[in-house]
N, C-alpha and C. Protein backbone atom coordinates (compact mmCIF):
# COMPACT_ATOMS: atom_id res chain seq x y z
N MET A 1 0.87 -1.18 0.00
CA MET A 1 -0.01 -0.01 0.02
C MET A 1 0.88 1.24 0.01
N PHE A 2 0.41 2.10 -0.76
CA PHE A 2 1.10 3.39 -0.82
C PHE A 2 0.21 4.54 -0.41
N GLY A 3 0.28 4.93 0.84
CA GLY A 3 -0.65 5.84 1.38
C GLY A 3 -1.89 5.14 1.60
N ASP A 4 -3.08 5.60 0.87
CA ASP A 4 -4.24 4.98 0.96
C ASP A 4 -4.62 4.19 -0.40
N ARG A 5 -3.57 4.08 -1.35
CA ARG A 5 -3.81 3.49 -2.61
C ARG A 5 -2.95 2.13 -2.63
N LEU A 6 -3.40 1.24 -3.41
CA LEU A 6 -2.68 0.06 -3.71
C LEU A 6 -1.65 0.36 -4.77
N LEU A 7 -0.49 -0.24 -4.78
CA LEU A 7 0.55 0.00 -5.78
C LEU A 7 0.93 -1.42 -6.21
N ALA A 8 0.64 -1.67 -7.41
CA ALA A 8 0.95 -3.08 -8.03
C ALA A 8 2.43 -3.02 -8.48
N LEU A 9 3.21 -4.08 -8.08
CA LEU A 9 4.61 -4.20 -8.49
C LEU A 9 4.75 -5.30 -9.58
N ASP A 10 5.59 -5.12 -10.52
CA ASP A 10 5.86 -6.12 -11.51
C ASP A 10 6.42 -7.46 -10.78
N GLN A 11 6.12 -8.55 -11.42
CA GLN A 11 6.64 -9.77 -10.86
C GLN A 11 8.21 -9.88 -11.04
N TYR A 12 8.78 -10.55 -10.13
CA TYR A 12 10.22 -10.68 -10.18
C TYR A 12 10.45 -12.20 -10.11
N PRO A 13 11.55 -12.65 -10.73
CA PRO A 13 11.88 -14.17 -10.72
C PRO A 13 12.34 -14.60 -9.37
N LEU A 14 12.04 -15.77 -8.95
CA LEU A 14 12.47 -16.28 -7.61
C LEU A 14 14.03 -16.50 -7.76
N GLN A 15 14.77 -16.33 -6.72
CA GLN A 15 16.11 -16.50 -6.74
C GLN A 15 16.42 -17.71 -5.81
N LYS A 16 17.48 -18.48 -6.18
CA LYS A 16 17.87 -19.58 -5.25
C LYS A 16 18.61 -19.04 -4.10
N LEU A 17 18.36 -19.50 -2.96
CA LEU A 17 18.90 -19.09 -1.86
C LEU A 17 20.06 -20.10 -1.46
N GLN A 18 21.24 -19.60 -1.31
CA GLN A 18 22.36 -20.39 -0.98
C GLN A 18 23.03 -20.02 0.32
N GLY A 19 23.55 -20.93 0.96
CA GLY A 19 24.28 -20.62 2.23
C GLY A 19 23.46 -20.49 3.50
N ILE A 20 22.11 -20.83 3.34
CA ILE A 20 21.27 -20.85 4.51
C ILE A 20 21.49 -22.12 5.27
N GLN A 21 21.83 -21.94 6.56
CA GLN A 21 22.05 -23.08 7.39
C GLN A 21 21.08 -23.09 8.54
N ALA A 22 20.34 -24.19 8.69
CA ALA A 22 19.30 -24.29 9.70
C ALA A 22 19.92 -24.95 11.01
N SER A 23 19.51 -24.50 12.09
CA SER A 23 19.89 -25.17 13.36
C SER A 23 18.93 -26.30 13.63
N HIS A 24 19.38 -27.38 14.30
CA HIS A 24 18.60 -28.41 14.64
C HIS A 24 18.20 -28.27 16.15
N PRO A 25 16.95 -28.61 16.50
CA PRO A 25 16.60 -28.46 17.95
C PRO A 25 17.19 -29.59 18.76
N ILE A 26 17.47 -29.27 19.98
CA ILE A 26 18.05 -30.25 20.98
C ILE A 26 16.92 -30.40 21.95
N TYR A 27 16.51 -31.66 22.16
CA TYR A 27 15.48 -32.06 23.09
C TYR A 27 16.09 -32.77 24.27
N GLU A 28 15.51 -32.51 25.41
CA GLU A 28 15.96 -33.24 26.69
C GLU A 28 14.81 -33.88 27.37
N GLN A 29 15.06 -35.01 28.05
CA GLN A 29 14.00 -35.72 28.77
C GLN A 29 14.18 -35.03 30.17
N ARG A 30 13.04 -34.76 30.80
CA ARG A 30 13.10 -34.22 32.23
C ARG A 30 11.92 -34.97 32.91
N THR A 31 12.08 -34.93 34.21
CA THR A 31 11.02 -35.48 35.11
C THR A 31 10.39 -34.44 35.86
N ILE A 32 9.13 -34.26 35.95
CA ILE A 32 8.46 -33.19 36.68
C ILE A 32 7.54 -33.95 37.65
N VAL A 33 7.56 -33.43 38.92
CA VAL A 33 6.64 -33.79 39.90
C VAL A 33 5.70 -32.53 40.18
N ALA A 34 4.37 -32.74 39.88
CA ALA A 34 3.39 -31.61 39.93
C ALA A 34 2.27 -32.01 40.63
N LYS A 35 1.55 -31.04 41.29
CA LYS A 35 0.31 -31.29 41.99
C LYS A 35 -0.90 -30.94 41.11
N TYR A 36 -1.79 -31.88 41.04
CA TYR A 36 -2.97 -31.66 40.14
C TYR A 36 -4.24 -31.82 40.95
N ARG A 37 -5.31 -31.11 40.57
CA ARG A 37 -6.59 -31.13 41.17
C ARG A 37 -7.68 -31.89 40.37
N CYS A 38 -8.42 -32.78 40.92
CA CYS A 38 -9.41 -33.51 40.06
C CYS A 38 -10.49 -32.45 39.80
N ARG A 39 -10.91 -32.32 38.49
CA ARG A 39 -11.98 -31.49 38.12
C ARG A 39 -13.18 -32.21 37.62
N ALA A 40 -13.03 -33.52 37.37
CA ALA A 40 -14.17 -34.31 36.87
C ALA A 40 -13.93 -35.72 37.19
N ALA A 41 -15.06 -36.37 37.63
CA ALA A 41 -14.76 -37.80 38.03
C ALA A 41 -16.00 -38.55 37.62
N ASP A 42 -15.88 -39.70 36.94
CA ASP A 42 -16.95 -40.59 36.68
C ASP A 42 -16.29 -42.06 36.84
N PRO A 43 -17.11 -43.11 36.80
CA PRO A 43 -16.69 -44.45 37.20
C PRO A 43 -15.48 -44.94 36.17
N ASN A 44 -15.40 -44.46 35.07
CA ASN A 44 -14.40 -44.81 34.08
C ASN A 44 -13.35 -43.83 33.79
N LYS A 45 -13.46 -42.68 34.22
CA LYS A 45 -12.49 -41.71 33.91
C LYS A 45 -12.29 -40.56 35.01
N LEU A 46 -11.03 -40.14 35.14
CA LEU A 46 -10.79 -38.90 35.94
C LEU A 46 -10.07 -37.87 35.16
N SER A 47 -10.44 -36.59 35.38
CA SER A 47 -9.79 -35.51 34.65
C SER A 47 -9.15 -34.57 35.80
N PHE A 48 -7.92 -34.17 35.47
CA PHE A 48 -7.15 -33.38 36.45
C PHE A 48 -6.63 -32.15 35.70
N GLU A 49 -6.55 -31.03 36.53
CA GLU A 49 -5.86 -29.82 36.00
C GLU A 49 -4.74 -29.41 37.01
N PRO A 50 -3.61 -28.95 36.40
CA PRO A 50 -2.46 -28.57 37.25
C PRO A 50 -2.87 -27.42 38.18
N ILE A 51 -2.44 -27.53 39.48
CA ILE A 51 -2.76 -26.39 40.39
C ILE A 51 -1.87 -25.23 40.07
N GLN A 52 -0.73 -25.40 39.59
CA GLN A 52 0.11 -24.29 38.96
C GLN A 52 0.40 -24.65 37.63
N ARG A 53 -0.02 -23.91 36.61
CA ARG A 53 0.03 -24.16 35.21
C ARG A 53 1.47 -24.17 34.68
N GLU A 54 2.31 -23.28 35.16
CA GLU A 54 3.70 -23.21 34.67
C GLU A 54 4.67 -23.94 35.70
N HIS A 55 5.51 -24.75 35.13
CA HIS A 55 6.49 -25.46 35.96
C HIS A 55 7.84 -24.96 35.70
N ARG A 56 8.54 -24.53 36.72
CA ARG A 56 9.90 -23.97 36.52
C ARG A 56 10.90 -25.04 36.82
N PHE A 57 11.93 -25.19 36.07
CA PHE A 57 13.08 -26.05 36.19
C PHE A 57 14.15 -25.36 36.93
N GLU A 58 15.11 -26.18 37.55
CA GLU A 58 16.18 -25.66 38.47
C GLU A 58 17.03 -24.79 37.59
N ASP A 59 17.13 -25.04 36.25
CA ASP A 59 18.12 -24.30 35.36
C ASP A 59 17.46 -22.91 34.88
N GLY A 60 16.26 -22.56 35.35
CA GLY A 60 15.60 -21.32 34.99
C GLY A 60 14.67 -21.49 33.92
N GLY A 61 14.60 -22.55 33.26
CA GLY A 61 13.66 -22.83 32.08
C GLY A 61 12.25 -23.12 32.69
N SER A 62 11.38 -23.11 31.83
CA SER A 62 9.89 -23.42 32.31
C SER A 62 9.22 -24.14 31.16
N THR A 63 8.05 -24.83 31.56
CA THR A 63 7.25 -25.42 30.54
C THR A 63 5.76 -25.22 31.13
N GLU A 64 4.75 -25.37 30.23
CA GLU A 64 3.45 -25.21 30.61
C GLU A 64 2.79 -26.63 30.85
N LEU A 65 2.17 -26.97 31.96
CA LEU A 65 1.55 -28.14 32.23
C LEU A 65 0.14 -28.24 31.58
N VAL A 66 -0.13 -29.39 31.12
CA VAL A 66 -1.47 -29.56 30.47
C VAL A 66 -2.39 -30.33 31.44
N ASP A 67 -3.71 -30.30 31.06
CA ASP A 67 -4.61 -31.08 31.87
C ASP A 67 -4.42 -32.65 31.54
N LEU A 68 -4.79 -33.44 32.45
CA LEU A 68 -4.67 -34.85 32.34
C LEU A 68 -6.01 -35.51 32.48
N SER A 69 -6.21 -36.55 31.61
CA SER A 69 -7.37 -37.45 31.84
C SER A 69 -6.87 -38.89 31.93
N VAL A 70 -7.45 -39.66 32.96
CA VAL A 70 -6.96 -40.96 33.22
C VAL A 70 -8.13 -41.87 33.03
N ASN A 71 -7.92 -42.80 32.12
CA ASN A 71 -9.03 -43.91 31.92
C ASN A 71 -8.69 -44.93 33.00
N LEU A 72 -9.73 -45.23 33.72
CA LEU A 72 -9.60 -46.07 34.84
C LEU A 72 -9.72 -47.57 34.54
N SER A 73 -8.68 -48.32 34.74
CA SER A 73 -8.67 -49.74 34.68
C SER A 73 -8.83 -50.15 36.11
N ASP A 74 -9.02 -51.40 36.42
CA ASP A 74 -9.11 -51.95 37.79
C ASP A 74 -7.85 -51.71 38.60
N GLN A 75 -6.73 -51.90 37.84
CA GLN A 75 -5.35 -51.69 38.46
C GLN A 75 -5.18 -50.31 38.92
N ILE A 76 -5.47 -49.34 37.96
CA ILE A 76 -5.38 -47.87 38.28
C ILE A 76 -6.35 -47.47 39.30
N ARG A 77 -7.58 -47.90 39.27
CA ARG A 77 -8.55 -47.63 40.31
C ARG A 77 -8.08 -48.02 41.71
N ARG A 78 -7.49 -49.24 41.73
CA ARG A 78 -6.99 -49.67 43.11
C ARG A 78 -5.69 -48.87 43.45
N ASN A 79 -4.89 -48.43 42.61
CA ASN A 79 -3.71 -47.72 42.97
C ASN A 79 -4.04 -46.35 43.43
N MET A 80 -5.04 -45.64 42.78
CA MET A 80 -5.39 -44.24 43.09
C MET A 80 -6.28 -44.19 44.29
N GLY A 81 -7.03 -45.15 44.50
CA GLY A 81 -8.06 -45.16 45.59
C GLY A 81 -9.22 -44.21 45.21
N VAL A 82 -9.96 -43.92 46.09
CA VAL A 82 -11.21 -43.00 45.81
C VAL A 82 -10.68 -41.65 45.58
N VAL A 83 -11.19 -41.09 44.50
CA VAL A 83 -10.85 -39.76 44.09
C VAL A 83 -12.09 -38.98 43.82
N ASN A 84 -12.22 -37.86 44.58
CA ASN A 84 -13.46 -36.97 44.44
C ASN A 84 -13.05 -35.66 43.71
N ILE A 85 -14.00 -34.97 43.21
CA ILE A 85 -13.75 -33.71 42.65
C ILE A 85 -13.20 -32.72 43.64
N GLY A 86 -12.13 -32.13 43.33
CA GLY A 86 -11.35 -31.11 44.27
C GLY A 86 -10.24 -31.77 44.99
N ASP A 87 -10.14 -33.11 44.91
CA ASP A 87 -8.99 -33.84 45.50
C ASP A 87 -7.71 -33.48 44.79
N GLU A 88 -6.64 -33.38 45.51
CA GLU A 88 -5.31 -33.16 45.01
C GLU A 88 -4.51 -34.43 44.91
N LYS A 89 -3.76 -34.59 43.79
CA LYS A 89 -2.79 -35.69 43.67
C LYS A 89 -1.48 -35.25 43.03
N ASP A 90 -0.36 -35.92 43.46
CA ASP A 90 0.84 -35.57 42.91
C ASP A 90 0.95 -36.61 41.75
N PHE A 91 1.57 -36.06 40.66
CA PHE A 91 1.81 -36.79 39.48
C PHE A 91 3.33 -36.64 39.10
N THR A 92 4.05 -37.72 38.71
CA THR A 92 5.29 -37.67 38.22
C THR A 92 5.25 -37.75 36.69
N LEU A 93 5.66 -36.77 35.97
CA LEU A 93 5.55 -36.87 34.46
C LEU A 93 6.95 -36.91 33.93
N ASN A 94 7.12 -37.67 32.85
CA ASN A 94 8.29 -37.79 32.07
C ASN A 94 7.95 -37.02 30.85
N VAL A 95 8.69 -35.81 30.52
CA VAL A 95 8.38 -34.95 29.55
C VAL A 95 9.66 -34.75 28.67
N THR A 96 9.40 -34.39 27.38
CA THR A 96 10.49 -34.01 26.51
C THR A 96 10.27 -32.47 26.21
N VAL A 97 11.45 -31.77 26.54
CA VAL A 97 11.43 -30.28 26.43
C VAL A 97 12.52 -29.83 25.40
N LEU A 98 12.22 -28.69 24.78
CA LEU A 98 13.09 -28.04 23.87
C LEU A 98 14.30 -27.40 24.75
N ALA A 99 15.43 -27.85 24.68
CA ALA A 99 16.53 -27.31 25.44
C ALA A 99 17.27 -26.19 24.69
N GLY A 100 17.27 -26.21 23.39
CA GLY A 100 17.98 -25.18 22.64
C GLY A 100 18.20 -25.61 21.18
N PHE A 101 19.07 -25.07 20.55
CA PHE A 101 19.40 -25.39 19.14
C PHE A 101 20.93 -25.57 19.05
N GLU A 102 21.28 -26.49 18.27
CA GLU A 102 22.71 -26.81 17.93
C GLU A 102 23.13 -25.78 16.83
N LEU A 103 24.33 -25.34 16.98
CA LEU A 103 24.85 -24.31 15.98
C LEU A 103 25.10 -25.12 14.66
N PRO A 104 24.75 -24.53 13.58
CA PRO A 104 25.08 -25.25 12.33
C PRO A 104 26.59 -25.22 12.12
N PRO A 105 27.05 -26.29 11.42
CA PRO A 105 28.57 -26.37 11.14
C PRO A 105 28.96 -25.07 10.32
N ASP A 106 30.20 -24.66 10.71
CA ASP A 106 30.69 -23.58 9.94
C ASP A 106 31.24 -24.04 8.56
N THR A 107 30.58 -23.57 7.52
CA THR A 107 30.90 -23.99 6.15
C THR A 107 31.68 -22.92 5.38
N THR A 108 32.12 -21.79 6.06
CA THR A 108 32.90 -20.83 5.40
C THR A 108 34.24 -21.32 5.05
N PRO A 109 34.76 -21.01 3.86
CA PRO A 109 36.03 -21.64 3.52
C PRO A 109 37.16 -21.11 4.40
N ALA A 110 38.03 -21.98 4.87
CA ALA A 110 39.15 -21.51 5.69
C ALA A 110 40.09 -20.63 4.86
N ALA A 111 40.51 -19.61 5.52
CA ALA A 111 41.57 -18.78 4.89
C ALA A 111 42.89 -19.50 4.62
N ALA A 112 43.43 -19.15 3.44
CA ALA A 112 44.72 -19.85 3.11
C ALA A 112 45.79 -19.39 3.99
N PRO A 113 46.61 -20.17 4.47
CA PRO A 113 47.70 -19.76 5.39
C PRO A 113 48.62 -18.92 4.57
N THR A 114 49.07 -17.86 5.25
CA THR A 114 50.08 -16.92 4.64
C THR A 114 51.46 -17.39 5.01
N LEU A 115 52.40 -17.21 4.01
CA LEU A 115 53.84 -17.67 4.26
C LEU A 115 54.59 -16.43 4.43
């Protein structure tokens, strides 16, 4: 837009991009222990929400915790016991977090040694 008018530009040919280097993500496995509150309960399923949505790691990083739903088998029902709406439970979660990006390899030509 040019002021309040549209300005049409001529088409231009696409150019090949060379030398672009992409970084690859680095993922880490972390273990989180978080407190959750039951928000819905029925005979076959329990739903929980985190009491604190954001979890901080010791290194200063953080991640957002999601709601959990648990389908109740006989084994899980016995292990969890009776759970009512509003009850709080601790969950241990194994999560994968983005820790950073690796630097792309340096592909610039090395300078020739001088004699």
